[in-house]
């Protein structure tokens, strides 16, 4: 049987991990109160402190979760960035599916009820 690919699935391998190192190191910094405070006070300086490129900073500012994954961000660390922006995992999932948070939540509940 021929293997099918899904263009929205990103395989997190060693090369992708290396490419996303700066993003992930920055996101990890948001787990500490000091990291969150530094980011809230001056997002640009906080991101530059981790050597993020202009493209990486733009993706974070835009909350472009799918592109961040494709740049090597670890899915669990995306939550740290989202929380620093006042967003939730539900909102990340909704944006990545092109849905509102309410639509995404309804879809999840419907799937759960059918399982």
N, C-alpha and C. Protein backbone atom coordinates (compact mmCIF):
# COMPACT_ATOMS: atom_id res chain seq x y z
N UNK A 1 0.85 -1.17 0.00
CA UNK A 1 0.00 0.00 0.00
C UNK A 1 0.90 1.23 0.00
N UNK A 2 0.57 2.20 -0.83
CA UNK A 2 1.36 3.43 -0.94
C UNK A 2 1.16 4.27 0.32
N UNK A 3 2.26 4.83 0.78
CA UNK A 3 2.19 5.68 1.97
C UNK A 3 1.64 7.05 1.57
N UNK A 4 0.67 7.53 2.32
CA UNK A 4 0.10 8.83 2.06
C UNK A 4 0.74 9.84 2.98
N UNK A 5 0.90 11.06 2.47
CA UNK A 5 1.46 12.10 3.32
C UNK A 5 0.40 13.14 3.61
N UNK A 6 0.56 13.79 4.71
CA UNK A 6 -0.34 14.86 5.11
C UNK A 6 0.50 16.13 5.21
N UNK A 7 0.22 17.15 4.40
CA UNK A 7 1.08 18.34 4.39
C UNK A 7 1.08 19.10 5.71
N UNK A 8 0.12 18.87 6.58
CA UNK A 8 0.05 19.60 7.84
C UNK A 8 0.78 18.89 8.97
N UNK A 9 1.33 17.71 8.71
CA UNK A 9 2.04 16.98 9.76
C UNK A 9 3.52 17.25 9.62
N UNK A 10 4.14 17.64 10.72
CA UNK A 10 5.56 17.92 10.74
C UNK A 10 6.22 16.87 11.63
N UNK A 11 7.16 16.13 11.08
CA UNK A 11 7.88 15.12 11.85
C UNK A 11 9.05 15.81 12.57
N UNK A 12 9.03 15.71 13.90
CA UNK A 12 10.05 16.36 14.72
C UNK A 12 11.25 15.43 14.82
N UNK A 13 12.21 15.60 13.90
CA UNK A 13 13.40 14.76 13.89
C UNK A 13 14.61 15.56 14.37
N UNK A 14 15.77 14.97 14.31
CA UNK A 14 16.98 15.63 14.80
C UNK A 14 17.29 16.94 14.09
N UNK A 15 17.15 16.95 12.77
CA UNK A 15 17.44 18.17 12.00
C UNK A 15 16.48 19.29 12.38
N UNK A 16 15.22 18.95 12.52
CA UNK A 16 14.22 19.95 12.89
C UNK A 16 14.47 20.44 14.31
N UNK A 17 14.86 19.55 15.19
CA UNK A 17 15.18 19.91 16.56
C UNK A 17 16.32 20.93 16.60
N UNK A 18 17.34 20.70 15.80
CA UNK A 18 18.46 21.64 15.74
C UNK A 18 18.03 22.99 15.19
N UNK A 19 17.20 22.97 14.15
CA UNK A 19 16.73 24.22 13.55
C UNK A 19 15.91 25.02 14.56
N UNK A 20 15.15 24.34 15.40
CA UNK A 20 14.28 25.03 16.35
C UNK A 20 14.92 25.32 17.70
N UNK A 21 16.20 25.07 17.81
CA UNK A 21 16.87 25.21 19.12
C UNK A 21 16.63 26.57 19.77
N UNK A 22 16.81 27.66 19.01
CA UNK A 22 16.66 29.00 19.58
C UNK A 22 15.22 29.24 20.04
N UNK A 23 14.27 28.85 19.21
CA UNK A 23 12.85 29.02 19.55
C UNK A 23 12.54 28.25 20.84
N UNK A 24 12.99 27.01 20.90
CA UNK A 24 12.69 26.17 22.06
C UNK A 24 13.38 26.67 23.33
N UNK A 25 14.60 27.15 23.19
CA UNK A 25 15.30 27.70 24.36
C UNK A 25 14.56 28.94 24.86
N UNK A 26 14.12 29.80 23.95
CA UNK A 26 13.35 30.97 24.34
C UNK A 26 12.05 30.54 25.02
N UNK A 27 11.32 29.62 24.39
CA UNK A 27 10.03 29.17 24.95
C UNK A 27 10.22 28.56 26.33
N UNK A 28 11.29 27.81 26.51
CA UNK A 28 11.59 27.21 27.82
C UNK A 28 11.80 28.28 28.87
N UNK A 29 12.35 29.43 28.46
CA UNK A 29 12.59 30.52 29.42
C UNK A 29 11.28 31.05 30.00
N UNK A 30 10.19 30.84 29.27
CA UNK A 30 8.89 31.34 29.71
C UNK A 30 8.27 30.46 30.80
N UNK A 31 8.95 29.40 31.18
CA UNK A 31 8.45 28.56 32.27
C UNK A 31 8.76 29.18 33.63
N UNK A 32 9.68 30.14 33.66
CA UNK A 32 10.02 30.77 34.93
C UNK A 32 9.34 32.14 35.03
N UNK A 33 8.99 32.53 36.24
CA UNK A 33 8.40 33.87 36.41
C UNK A 33 9.31 34.98 35.86
N UNK A 34 10.61 34.86 36.09
CA UNK A 34 11.55 35.88 35.61
C UNK A 34 11.54 35.96 34.08
N UNK A 35 11.47 34.81 33.42
CA UNK A 35 11.42 34.78 31.96
C UNK A 35 10.15 35.42 31.43
N UNK A 36 9.02 35.11 32.07
CA UNK A 36 7.75 35.71 31.65
C UNK A 36 7.74 37.21 31.88
N UNK A 37 8.30 37.64 33.02
CA UNK A 37 8.36 39.07 33.32
C UNK A 37 9.24 39.81 32.32
N UNK A 38 10.38 39.22 31.98
CA UNK A 38 11.28 39.85 31.00
C UNK A 38 10.60 39.97 29.64
N UNK A 39 9.88 38.93 29.25
CA UNK A 39 9.18 38.96 27.96
C UNK A 39 8.05 39.98 27.98
N UNK A 40 7.31 40.04 29.06
CA UNK A 40 6.21 41.01 29.16
C UNK A 40 6.74 42.45 29.13
N UNK A 41 7.88 42.66 29.76
CA UNK A 41 8.45 44.01 29.84
C UNK A 41 9.02 44.48 28.50
N UNK A 42 9.68 43.57 27.79
CA UNK A 42 10.32 43.94 26.51
C UNK A 42 10.45 42.69 25.64
N UNK A 43 9.37 42.35 24.91
CA UNK A 43 9.40 41.13 24.10
C UNK A 43 10.57 41.06 23.12
N UNK A 44 10.86 42.15 22.46
CA UNK A 44 11.95 42.17 21.47
C UNK A 44 13.29 41.83 22.12
N UNK A 45 13.58 42.48 23.24
CA UNK A 45 14.85 42.23 23.94
C UNK A 45 14.92 40.79 24.45
N UNK A 46 13.81 40.29 24.96
CA UNK A 46 13.79 38.91 25.46
C UNK A 46 14.08 37.92 24.34
N UNK A 47 13.47 38.14 23.19
CA UNK A 47 13.70 37.22 22.07
C UNK A 47 15.10 37.36 21.52
N UNK A 48 15.59 38.59 21.40
CA UNK A 48 16.96 38.80 20.92
C UNK A 48 17.98 38.15 21.85
N UNK A 49 17.66 38.13 23.14
CA UNK A 49 18.55 37.50 24.12
C UNK A 49 18.78 36.02 23.87
N UNK A 50 17.88 35.40 23.12
CA UNK A 50 18.02 33.98 22.78
C UNK A 50 18.47 33.79 21.34
N UNK A 51 18.85 34.89 20.70
CA UNK A 51 19.41 34.81 19.34
C UNK A 51 18.40 34.49 18.26
N UNK A 52 17.12 34.74 18.53
CA UNK A 52 16.12 34.45 17.51
C UNK A 52 16.33 35.33 16.29
N UNK A 53 16.05 34.76 15.13
CA UNK A 53 16.14 35.52 13.88
C UNK A 53 14.91 36.41 13.76
N UNK A 54 14.97 37.35 12.84
CA UNK A 54 13.82 38.22 12.60
C UNK A 54 12.62 37.38 12.19
N UNK A 55 12.84 36.38 11.34
CA UNK A 55 11.74 35.50 10.91
C UNK A 55 11.13 34.77 12.10
N UNK A 56 11.96 34.23 12.98
CA UNK A 56 11.44 33.52 14.15
C UNK A 56 10.66 34.47 15.06
N UNK A 57 11.18 35.67 15.26
CA UNK A 57 10.47 36.64 16.10
C UNK A 57 9.13 37.02 15.47
N UNK A 58 9.12 37.17 14.16
CA UNK A 58 7.87 37.51 13.46
C UNK A 58 6.83 36.40 13.62
N UNK A 59 7.26 35.14 13.56
CA UNK A 59 6.34 34.02 13.73
C UNK A 59 5.75 34.01 15.14
N UNK A 60 6.58 34.33 16.12
CA UNK A 60 6.10 34.37 17.51
C UNK A 60 5.12 35.52 17.68
N UNK A 61 5.47 36.68 17.16
CA UNK A 61 4.58 37.84 17.27
C UNK A 61 3.24 37.58 16.59
N UNK A 62 3.28 36.88 15.45
CA UNK A 62 2.06 36.58 14.69
C UNK A 62 1.29 35.40 15.28
N UNK A 63 1.91 34.71 16.24
CA UNK A 63 1.32 33.50 16.81
C UNK A 63 0.99 32.49 15.70
N UNK A 64 1.95 32.33 14.81
CA UNK A 64 1.79 31.42 13.68
C UNK A 64 2.29 30.04 14.12
N UNK A 65 1.41 29.33 14.82
CA UNK A 65 1.78 28.07 15.46
C UNK A 65 2.25 27.03 14.46
N UNK A 66 1.56 26.89 13.34
CA UNK A 66 1.94 25.89 12.34
C UNK A 66 3.34 26.17 11.81
N UNK A 67 3.63 27.42 11.48
CA UNK A 67 4.96 27.76 10.97
C UNK A 67 6.03 27.58 12.04
N UNK A 68 5.69 27.87 13.29
CA UNK A 68 6.66 27.64 14.37
C UNK A 68 7.00 26.16 14.48
N UNK A 69 5.99 25.30 14.35
CA UNK A 69 6.27 23.86 14.36
C UNK A 69 7.18 23.48 13.20
N UNK A 70 6.91 24.05 12.04
CA UNK A 70 7.72 23.74 10.86
C UNK A 70 9.14 24.28 10.99
N UNK A 71 9.33 25.28 11.85
CA UNK A 71 10.67 25.82 12.11
C UNK A 71 11.39 25.07 13.22
N UNK A 72 10.71 24.09 13.82
CA UNK A 72 11.37 23.26 14.83
C UNK A 72 10.93 23.49 16.25
N UNK A 73 9.90 24.28 16.46
CA UNK A 73 9.40 24.46 17.82
C UNK A 73 8.78 23.15 18.30
N UNK A 74 9.09 22.79 19.53
CA UNK A 74 8.49 21.60 20.12
C UNK A 74 7.05 21.94 20.51
N UNK A 75 6.15 21.04 20.21
CA UNK A 75 4.72 21.30 20.43
C UNK A 75 4.43 21.67 21.88
N UNK A 76 5.08 21.05 22.82
CA UNK A 76 4.82 21.34 24.22
C UNK A 76 5.32 22.73 24.63
N UNK A 77 6.35 23.20 23.95
CA UNK A 77 6.87 24.52 24.27
C UNK A 77 6.05 25.62 23.59
N UNK A 78 5.31 25.28 22.55
CA UNK A 78 4.40 26.27 21.96
C UNK A 78 3.41 26.76 23.00
N UNK A 79 3.01 25.87 23.87
CA UNK A 79 2.06 26.25 24.93
C UNK A 79 2.63 27.35 25.81
N UNK A 80 3.92 27.32 26.06
CA UNK A 80 4.55 28.35 26.89
C UNK A 80 4.46 29.72 26.21
N UNK A 81 4.66 29.73 24.90
CA UNK A 81 4.55 30.99 24.15
C UNK A 81 3.10 31.44 24.14
N UNK A 82 2.19 30.52 23.89
CA UNK A 82 0.76 30.86 23.84
C UNK A 82 0.29 31.45 25.16
N UNK A 83 0.68 30.83 26.25
CA UNK A 83 0.27 31.30 27.57
C UNK A 83 0.80 32.71 27.83
N UNK A 84 2.04 32.97 27.38
CA UNK A 84 2.61 34.31 27.54
C UNK A 84 1.83 35.36 26.75
N UNK A 85 1.09 34.90 25.73
CA UNK A 85 0.25 35.79 24.91
C UNK A 85 -1.21 35.74 25.36
N UNK A 86 -1.48 35.03 26.45
CA UNK A 86 -2.84 34.95 26.96
C UNK A 86 -3.73 33.99 26.18
N UNK A 87 -3.12 33.04 25.50
CA UNK A 87 -3.87 32.05 24.73
C UNK A 87 -3.73 30.68 25.35
N UNK A 88 -4.57 29.76 24.90
CA UNK A 88 -4.59 28.41 25.44
C UNK A 88 -4.27 27.38 24.36
N UNK A 89 -4.10 26.14 24.79
CA UNK A 89 -3.90 25.05 23.82
C UNK A 89 -5.10 24.91 22.90
N UNK A 90 -6.28 25.17 23.42
CA UNK A 90 -7.49 25.11 22.62
C UNK A 90 -7.40 26.12 21.46
N UNK A 91 -6.92 27.31 21.76
CA UNK A 91 -6.80 28.34 20.72
C UNK A 91 -5.71 28.00 19.71
N UNK A 92 -4.63 27.36 20.16
CA UNK A 92 -3.60 26.91 19.23
C UNK A 92 -4.20 25.90 18.25
N UNK A 93 -4.88 24.89 18.79
CA UNK A 93 -5.48 23.86 17.95
C UNK A 93 -6.48 24.44 16.97
N UNK A 94 -7.29 25.37 17.43
CA UNK A 94 -8.30 25.99 16.57
C UNK A 94 -7.63 26.74 15.42
N UNK A 95 -6.62 27.54 15.74
CA UNK A 95 -5.95 28.30 14.69
C UNK A 95 -5.31 27.38 13.66
N UNK A 96 -4.70 26.30 14.13
CA UNK A 96 -4.03 25.37 13.22
C UNK A 96 -5.02 24.64 12.32
N UNK A 97 -6.27 24.55 12.74
CA UNK A 97 -7.30 23.90 11.92
C UNK A 97 -8.14 24.90 11.15
N UNK A 98 -7.86 26.20 11.32
CA UNK A 98 -8.63 27.21 10.64
C UNK A 98 -10.04 27.35 11.19
N UNK A 99 -10.18 27.15 12.49
CA UNK A 99 -11.48 27.21 13.15
C UNK A 99 -11.44 28.23 14.28
N UNK A 100 -12.63 28.60 14.74
CA UNK A 100 -12.70 29.38 15.97
C UNK A 100 -12.49 28.42 17.13
N UNK A 101 -12.19 28.98 18.29
CA UNK A 101 -12.02 28.12 19.47
C UNK A 101 -13.30 27.36 19.78
N UNK A 102 -14.46 28.01 19.59
CA UNK A 102 -15.74 27.34 19.85
C UNK A 102 -15.97 26.19 18.87
N UNK A 103 -15.65 26.41 17.59
CA UNK A 103 -15.81 25.34 16.60
C UNK A 103 -14.88 24.16 16.92
N UNK A 104 -13.66 24.48 17.29
CA UNK A 104 -12.69 23.44 17.60
C UNK A 104 -13.13 22.64 18.83
N UNK A 105 -13.62 23.34 19.85
CA UNK A 105 -14.09 22.67 21.06
C UNK A 105 -15.28 21.77 20.76
N UNK A 106 -16.20 22.24 19.93
CA UNK A 106 -17.35 21.42 19.54
C UNK A 106 -16.90 20.17 18.80
N UNK A 107 -15.94 20.33 17.89
CA UNK A 107 -15.40 19.19 17.14
C UNK A 107 -14.79 18.17 18.10
N UNK A 108 -14.02 18.65 19.07
CA UNK A 108 -13.40 17.74 20.04
C UNK A 108 -14.45 17.00 20.87
N UNK A 109 -15.47 17.72 21.31
CA UNK A 109 -16.52 17.11 22.11
C UNK A 109 -17.30 16.09 21.30
N UNK A 110 -17.54 16.39 20.03
CA UNK A 110 -18.28 15.47 19.16
C UNK A 110 -17.46 14.18 18.97
N UNK A 111 -16.16 14.36 18.73
CA UNK A 111 -15.29 13.18 18.56
C UNK A 111 -15.25 12.35 19.85
N UNK A 112 -15.15 13.04 20.97
CA UNK A 112 -15.08 12.34 22.26
C UNK A 112 -16.36 11.57 22.51
N UNK A 113 -17.50 12.16 22.18
CA UNK A 113 -18.79 11.51 22.39
C UNK A 113 -18.95 10.28 21.49
N UNK A 114 -18.35 10.34 20.30
CA UNK A 114 -18.44 9.22 19.37
C UNK A 114 -17.45 8.11 19.64
N UNK A 115 -16.47 8.36 20.49
CA UNK A 115 -15.42 7.35 20.75
C UNK A 115 -15.89 6.30 21.72
